[in-house]
C-alpha atoms as a PDB file:
ATOM      1  CA  UNK A   1     -15.792 -21.253  21.763  1.00  0.00           C
ATOM      2  CA  UNK A   2     -15.470 -22.467  18.662  1.00  0.00           C
ATOM      3  CA  UNK A   3     -18.612 -21.228  15.958  1.00  0.00           C
ATOM      4  CA  UNK A   4     -19.951 -22.376  12.765  1.00  0.00           C
ATOM      5  CA  UNK A   5     -19.550 -25.650  11.393  1.00  0.00           C
ATOM      6  CA  UNK A   6     -18.439 -28.010  13.928  1.00  0.00           C
ATOM      7  CA  UNK A   7     -18.142 -31.536  15.200  1.00  0.00           C
ATOM      8  CA  UNK A   8     -21.426 -30.946  17.196  1.00  0.00           C
ATOM      9  CA  UNK A   9     -23.287 -29.411  14.716  1.00  0.00           C
ATOM     10  CA  UNK A  10     -23.284 -25.478  13.151  1.00  0.00           C
ATOM     11  CA  UNK A  11     -23.030 -23.295  16.415  1.00  0.00           C
ATOM     12  CA  UNK A  12     -24.381 -19.413  15.548  1.00  0.00           C
ATOM     13  CA  UNK A  13     -22.515 -16.742  17.131  1.00  0.00           C
ATOM     14  CA  UNK A  14     -25.384 -14.622  19.494  1.00  0.00           C
ATOM     15  CA  UNK A  15     -25.848 -10.860  19.408  1.00  0.00           C
ATOM     16  CA  UNK A  16     -24.159 -10.711  22.966  1.00  0.00           C
ATOM     17  CA  UNK A  17     -21.236 -12.790  21.257  1.00  0.00           C
ATOM     18  CA  UNK A  18     -21.028 -10.317  18.394  1.00  0.00           C
ATOM     19  CA  UNK A  19     -21.099  -7.390  21.405  1.00  0.00           C
ATOM     20  CA  UNK A  20     -18.543  -8.490  22.959  1.00  0.00           C
ATOM     21  CA  UNK A  21     -16.225  -9.134  19.751  1.00  0.00           C
ATOM     22  CA  UNK A  22     -17.184  -5.636  18.336  1.00  0.00           C
ATOM     23  CA  UNK A  23     -16.317  -4.326  21.502  1.00  0.00           C
ATOM     24  CA  UNK A  24     -12.705  -6.183  21.458  1.00  0.00           C
ATOM     25  CA  UNK A  25     -12.255  -4.884  17.828  1.00  0.00           C
ATOM     26  CA  UNK A  26     -12.857  -1.322  18.805  1.00  0.00           C
ATOM     27  CA  UNK A  27     -10.316  -1.314  22.284  1.00  0.00           C
ATOM     28  CA  UNK A  28      -8.113  -2.785  20.002  1.00  0.00           C
ATOM     29  CA  UNK A  29      -8.380  -0.283  17.415  1.00  0.00           C
ATOM     30  CA  UNK A  30      -8.264   2.869  19.238  1.00  0.00           C
ATOM     31  CA  UNK A  31      -7.633   1.749  23.209  1.00  0.00           C
ATOM     32  CA  UNK A  32      -9.828   3.137  26.145  1.00  0.00           C
ATOM     33  CA  UNK A  33     -13.308   3.790  23.792  1.00  0.00           C
ATOM     34  CA  UNK A  34     -16.557   4.254  25.564  1.00  0.00           C
ATOM     35  CA  UNK A  35     -18.733   0.932  24.199  1.00  0.00           C
ATOM     36  CA  UNK A  36     -21.680   2.052  27.038  1.00  0.00           C
ATOM     37  CA  UNK A  37     -24.619   1.175  24.623  1.00  0.00           C
ATOM     38  CA  UNK A  38     -25.932   5.016  25.118  1.00  0.00           C
ATOM     39  CA  UNK A  39     -22.543   6.140  23.391  1.00  0.00           C
ATOM     40  CA  UNK A  40     -22.272   6.326  19.559  1.00  0.00           C
ATOM     41  CA  UNK A  41     -19.902   3.396  19.404  1.00  0.00           C
ATOM     42  CA  UNK A  42     -21.779   1.509  21.506  1.00  0.00           C
ATOM     43  CA  UNK A  43     -24.825   2.513  19.237  1.00  0.00           C
ATOM     44  CA  UNK A  44     -22.406   1.490  16.255  1.00  0.00           C
ATOM     45  CA  UNK A  45     -21.755  -1.927  17.762  1.00  0.00           C
ATOM     46  CA  UNK A  46     -24.927  -2.867  18.795  1.00  0.00           C
ATOM     47  CA  UNK A  47     -26.245  -2.268  14.838  1.00  0.00           C
ATOM     48  CA  UNK A  48     -23.682  -4.271  13.300  1.00  0.00           C
ATOM     49  CA  UNK A  49     -23.995  -7.078  15.725  1.00  0.00           C
ATOM     50  CA  UNK A  50     -27.519  -6.664  15.399  1.00  0.00           C
ATOM     51  CA  UNK A  51     -27.030  -7.321  11.269  1.00  0.00           C
ATOM     52  CA  UNK A  52     -24.626  -9.656  12.038  1.00  0.00           C
ATOM     53  CA  UNK A  53     -26.677 -11.540  14.363  1.00  0.00           C
ATOM     54  CA  UNK A  54     -29.229 -12.051  11.878  1.00  0.00           C
ATOM     55  CA  UNK A  55     -27.031 -13.514   9.342  1.00  0.00           C
ATOM     56  CA  UNK A  56     -26.000 -16.337  11.745  1.00  0.00           C
ATOM     57  CA  UNK A  57     -29.806 -17.164  12.485  1.00  0.00           C
ATOM     58  CA  UNK A  58     -29.953 -17.523   8.910  1.00  0.00           C
ATOM     59  CA  UNK A  59     -27.116 -19.339   8.029  1.00  0.00           C
ATOM     60  CA  UNK A  60     -28.259 -21.649  10.829  1.00  0.00           C
ATOM     61  CA  UNK A  61     -31.728 -22.126   9.364  1.00  0.00           C
ATOM     62  CA  UNK A  62     -29.779 -22.393   5.863  1.00  0.00           C
ATOM     63  CA  UNK A  63     -28.096 -25.528   8.328  1.00  0.00           C
ATOM     64  CA  UNK A  64     -31.400 -27.006   9.459  1.00  0.00           C
ATOM     65  CA  UNK A  65     -32.824 -26.980   6.332  1.00  0.00           C
ATOM     66  CA  UNK A  66     -31.174 -30.271   5.373  1.00  0.00           C
ATOM     67  CA  UNK A  67     -32.198 -32.118   8.061  1.00  0.00           C
ATOM     68  CA  UNK A  68     -35.999 -33.783   8.299  1.00  0.00           C
ATOM     69  CA  UNK A  69     -36.556 -32.878  12.148  1.00  0.00           C
ATOM     70  CA  UNK A  70     -35.743 -29.071  11.712  1.00  0.00           C
ATOM     71  CA  UNK A  71     -36.523 -28.362   7.522  1.00  0.00           C
ATOM     72  CA  UNK A  72     -39.751 -26.848   6.794  1.00  0.00           C
ATOM     73  CA  UNK A  73     -41.517 -25.583   3.749  1.00  0.00           C
ATOM     74  CA  UNK A  74     -39.545 -26.307   0.537  1.00  0.00           C
ATOM     75  CA  UNK A  75     -36.471 -27.698   2.478  1.00  0.00           C
ATOM     76  CA  UNK A  76     -38.780 -30.476   3.990  1.00  0.00           C
ATOM     77  CA  UNK A  77     -39.847 -31.421   0.833  1.00  0.00           C
ATOM     78  CA  UNK A  78     -36.328 -31.558  -0.744  1.00  0.00           C
ATOM     79  CA  UNK A  79     -35.257 -33.540   2.164  1.00  0.00           C
ATOM     80  CA  UNK A  80     -38.333 -36.201   1.657  1.00  0.00           C
ATOM     81  CA  UNK A  81     -37.285 -36.311  -2.224  1.00  0.00           C
ATOM     82  CA  UNK A  82     -33.738 -36.944  -1.022  1.00  0.00           C
ATOM     83  CA  UNK A  83     -34.689 -40.007   0.373  1.00  0.00           C
ATOM     84  CA  UNK A  84     -37.678 -41.350  -1.772  1.00  0.00           C
ATOM     85  CA  UNK A  85     -40.658 -40.028   0.431  1.00  0.00           C
ATOM     86  CA  UNK A  86     -43.174 -37.156  -0.380  1.00  0.00           C
ATOM     87  CA  UNK A  87     -44.321 -35.276   1.982  1.00  0.00           C
ATOM     88  CA  UNK A  88     -48.419 -35.818   3.163  1.00  0.00           C
ATOM     89  CA  UNK A  89     -50.534 -32.781   1.941  1.00  0.00           C
ATOM     90  CA  UNK A  90     -52.728 -31.043   4.086  1.00  0.00           C
ATOM     91  CA  UNK A  91     -55.399 -32.491   5.854  1.00  0.00           C
ATOM     92  CA  UNK A  92     -58.434 -32.279   8.801  1.00  0.00           C
ATOM     93  CA  UNK A  93     -58.301 -33.328  11.546  1.00  0.00           C
ATOM     94  CA  UNK A  94     -61.282 -34.221  14.479  1.00  0.00           C
ATOM     95  CA  UNK A  95     -61.586 -32.919  18.068  1.00  0.00           C
ATOM     96  CA  UNK A  96     -64.428 -32.664  20.224  1.00  0.00           C
ATOM     97  CA  UNK A  97     -65.614 -29.429  21.534  1.00  0.00           C
ATOM     98  CA  UNK A  98     -67.085 -28.099  24.733  1.00  0.00           C
ATOM     99  CA  UNK A  99     -69.495 -25.493  24.088  1.00  0.00           C
ATOM    100  CA  UNK A 100     -71.079 -22.574  25.824  1.00  0.00           C
ATOM    101  CA  UNK A 101     -74.416 -21.117  25.309  1.00  0.00           C
ATOM    102  CA  UNK A 102     -78.092 -21.382  26.282  1.00  0.00           C
ATOM    103  CA  UNK A 103     -80.508 -24.352  26.549  1.00  0.00           C
ATOM    104  CA  UNK A 104     -81.748 -25.659  23.499  1.00  0.00           C
ATOM    105  CA  UNK A 105     -79.363 -23.532  20.950  1.00  0.00           C
ATOM    106  CA  UNK A 106     -78.812 -25.457  17.894  1.00  0.00           C
ATOM    107  CA  UNK A 107     -75.960 -25.976  15.855  1.00  0.00           C
ATOM    108  CA  UNK A 108     -76.329 -27.604  12.248  1.00  0.00           C
ATOM    109  CA  UNK A 109     -73.774 -28.997  10.613  1.00  0.00           C
ATOM    110  CA  UNK A 110     -70.916 -27.215   9.100  1.00  0.00           C
ATOM    111  CA  UNK A 111     -71.232 -24.623  11.316  1.00  0.00           C
ATOM    112  CA  UNK A 112     -67.900 -22.546  11.905  1.00  0.00           C
ATOM    113  CA  UNK A 113     -67.499 -21.913  15.662  1.00  0.00           C
ATOM    114  CA  UNK A 114     -64.132 -19.926  16.386  1.00  0.00           C
ATOM    115  CA  UNK A 115     -61.864 -19.389  19.400  1.00  0.00           C
ATOM    116  CA  UNK A 116     -60.730 -16.449  20.682  1.00  0.00           C
ATOM    117  CA  UNK A 117     -57.335 -17.132  19.100  1.00  0.00           C
ATOM    118  CA  UNK A 118     -58.788 -17.214  15.692  1.00  0.00           C
ATOM    119  CA  UNK A 119     -59.010 -21.015  15.376  1.00  0.00           C
ATOM    120  CA  UNK A 120     -61.935 -22.028  13.471  1.00  0.00           C
ATOM    121  CA  UNK A 121     -63.376 -25.675  13.458  1.00  0.00           C
ATOM    122  CA  UNK A 122     -66.557 -26.839  11.384  1.00  0.00           C
ATOM    123  CA  UNK A 123     -69.176 -28.910  12.924  1.00  0.00           C
ATOM    124  CA  UNK A 124     -69.481 -32.219  11.234  1.00  0.00           C
ATOM    125  CA  UNK A 125     -72.926 -33.059  12.990  1.00  0.00           C
ATOM    126  CA  UNK A 126     -75.855 -31.141  14.241  1.00  0.00           C
ATOM    127  CA  UNK A 127     -75.741 -30.783  17.859  1.00  0.00           C
ATOM    128  CA  UNK A 128     -78.367 -28.890  20.646  1.00  0.00           C
ATOM    129  CA  UNK A 129     -77.187 -27.825  23.696  1.00  0.00           C
ATOM    130  CA  UNK A 130     -79.155 -29.242  26.675  1.00  0.00           C
ATOM    131  CA  UNK A 131     -78.877 -29.824  30.035  1.00  0.00           C
ATOM    132  CA  UNK A 132     -78.350 -33.406  29.686  1.00  0.00           C
ATOM    133  CA  UNK A 133     -74.911 -33.131  27.900  1.00  0.00           C
ATOM    134  CA  UNK A 134     -73.746 -30.295  29.707  1.00  0.00           C
ATOM    135  CA  UNK A 135     -70.389 -30.012  31.305  1.00  0.00           C
ATOM    136  CA  UNK A 136     -71.264 -27.125  33.728  1.00  0.00           C
ATOM    137  CA  UNK A 137     -74.262 -25.245  34.001  1.00  0.00           C
ATOM    138  CA  UNK A 138     -75.419 -22.039  35.950  1.00  0.00           C
ATOM    139  CA  UNK A 139     -78.720 -22.191  37.812  1.00  0.00           C
ATOM    140  CA  UNK A 140     -80.792 -18.649  38.637  1.00  0.00           C
ATOM    141  CA  UNK A 141     -83.406 -18.104  40.934  1.00  0.00           C
ATOM    142  CA  UNK A 142     -86.041 -16.155  39.320  1.00  0.00           C
ATOM    143  CA  UNK A 143     -87.516 -15.104  43.247  1.00  0.00           C
ATOM    144  CA  UNK A 144     -84.967 -15.441  45.897  1.00  0.00           C
ATOM    145  CA  UNK A 145     -86.860 -15.813  49.277  1.00  0.00           C
ATOM    146  CA  UNK A 146     -84.618 -15.545  52.878  1.00  0.00           C
ATOM    147  CA  UNK A 147     -84.460 -18.777  55.083  1.00  0.00           C
ATOM    148  CA  UNK A 148     -85.518 -21.367  52.038  1.00  0.00           C
ATOM    149  CA  UNK A 149     -84.062 -24.610  51.138  1.00  0.00           C
ATOM    150  CA  UNK A 150     -82.827 -25.164  47.521  1.00  0.00           C
ATOM    151  CA  UNK A 151     -81.788 -28.395  45.702  1.00  0.00           C
ATOM    152  CA  UNK A 152     -80.559 -28.613  42.798  1.00  0.00           C
ATOM    153  CA  UNK A 153     -80.399 -32.188  41.471  1.00  0.00           C
ATOM    154  CA  UNK A 154     -77.528 -32.963  39.029  1.00  0.00           C
ATOM    155  CA  UNK A 155     -77.179 -36.188  37.387  1.00  0.00           C
ATOM    156  CA  UNK A 156     -79.637 -37.757  39.691  1.00  0.00           C
ATOM    157  CA  UNK A 157     -77.555 -36.184  42.928  1.00  0.00           C
ATOM    158  CA  UNK A 158     -79.057 -33.704  45.303  1.00  0.00           C
ATOM    159  CA  UNK A 159     -77.177 -30.459  45.981  1.00  0.00           C
ATOM    160  CA  UNK A 160     -78.844 -28.633  48.715  1.00  0.00           C
ATOM    161  CA  UNK A 161     -78.456 -25.257  50.158  1.00  0.00           C
ATOM    162  CA  UNK A 162     -80.419 -22.534  52.426  1.00  0.00           C
ATOM    163  CA  UNK A 163     -80.310 -19.123  52.079  1.00  0.00           C
ATOM    164  CA  UNK A 164     -79.631 -16.900  54.860  1.00  0.00           C
ATOM    165  CA  UNK A 165     -82.302 -14.261  56.251  1.00  0.00           C
ATOM    166  CA  UNK A 166     -81.130 -11.324  53.933  1.00  0.00           C
ATOM    167  CA  UNK A 167     -80.957 -13.404  50.898  1.00  0.00           C
ATOM    168  CA  UNK A 168     -80.499 -11.345  47.594  1.00  0.00           C
ATOM    169  CA  UNK A 169     -80.364 -12.486  43.694  1.00  0.00           C
ATOM    170  CA  UNK A 170     -76.342 -12.644  44.191  1.00  0.00           C
ATOM    171  CA  UNK A 171     -76.391 -15.417  47.247  1.00  0.00           C
ATOM    172  CA  UNK A 172     -73.831 -18.187  46.767  1.00  0.00           C
END
């Protein structure tokens, strides 16, 4: 396989390619040598191959930095400038959020809400969590009775179920 700049673009040598190459170089120079990853020569090969693979990845990134579809940061600014363009700066975006909370919880304008992965959102309107606007609700019964018909009405549709003869507060 041909590596580097080719008619198909930049083809980097990967770690595995480099390990095989170094194993062959050691075999050519020293004959039958133990290149198992746990051997001294194998560990040397892995160290050298890792460093070289990092360099090949860097060369690939440099190559990609000249194209608008793969450039990032200041390289993207340079590509845009060569086309007579300037990159649009940061801007905010809007999304709808599904909030979970207790009935009556009020959120003010500019309330910062953060997801479990650290993404932060700022509210643009005051909102109160209500049953009328809910996407999901948890219904609980204060006093669970045996063999009793329970009815929950959601959006005008009644859902009924009857507890059995030994109902508990965990009855579903």
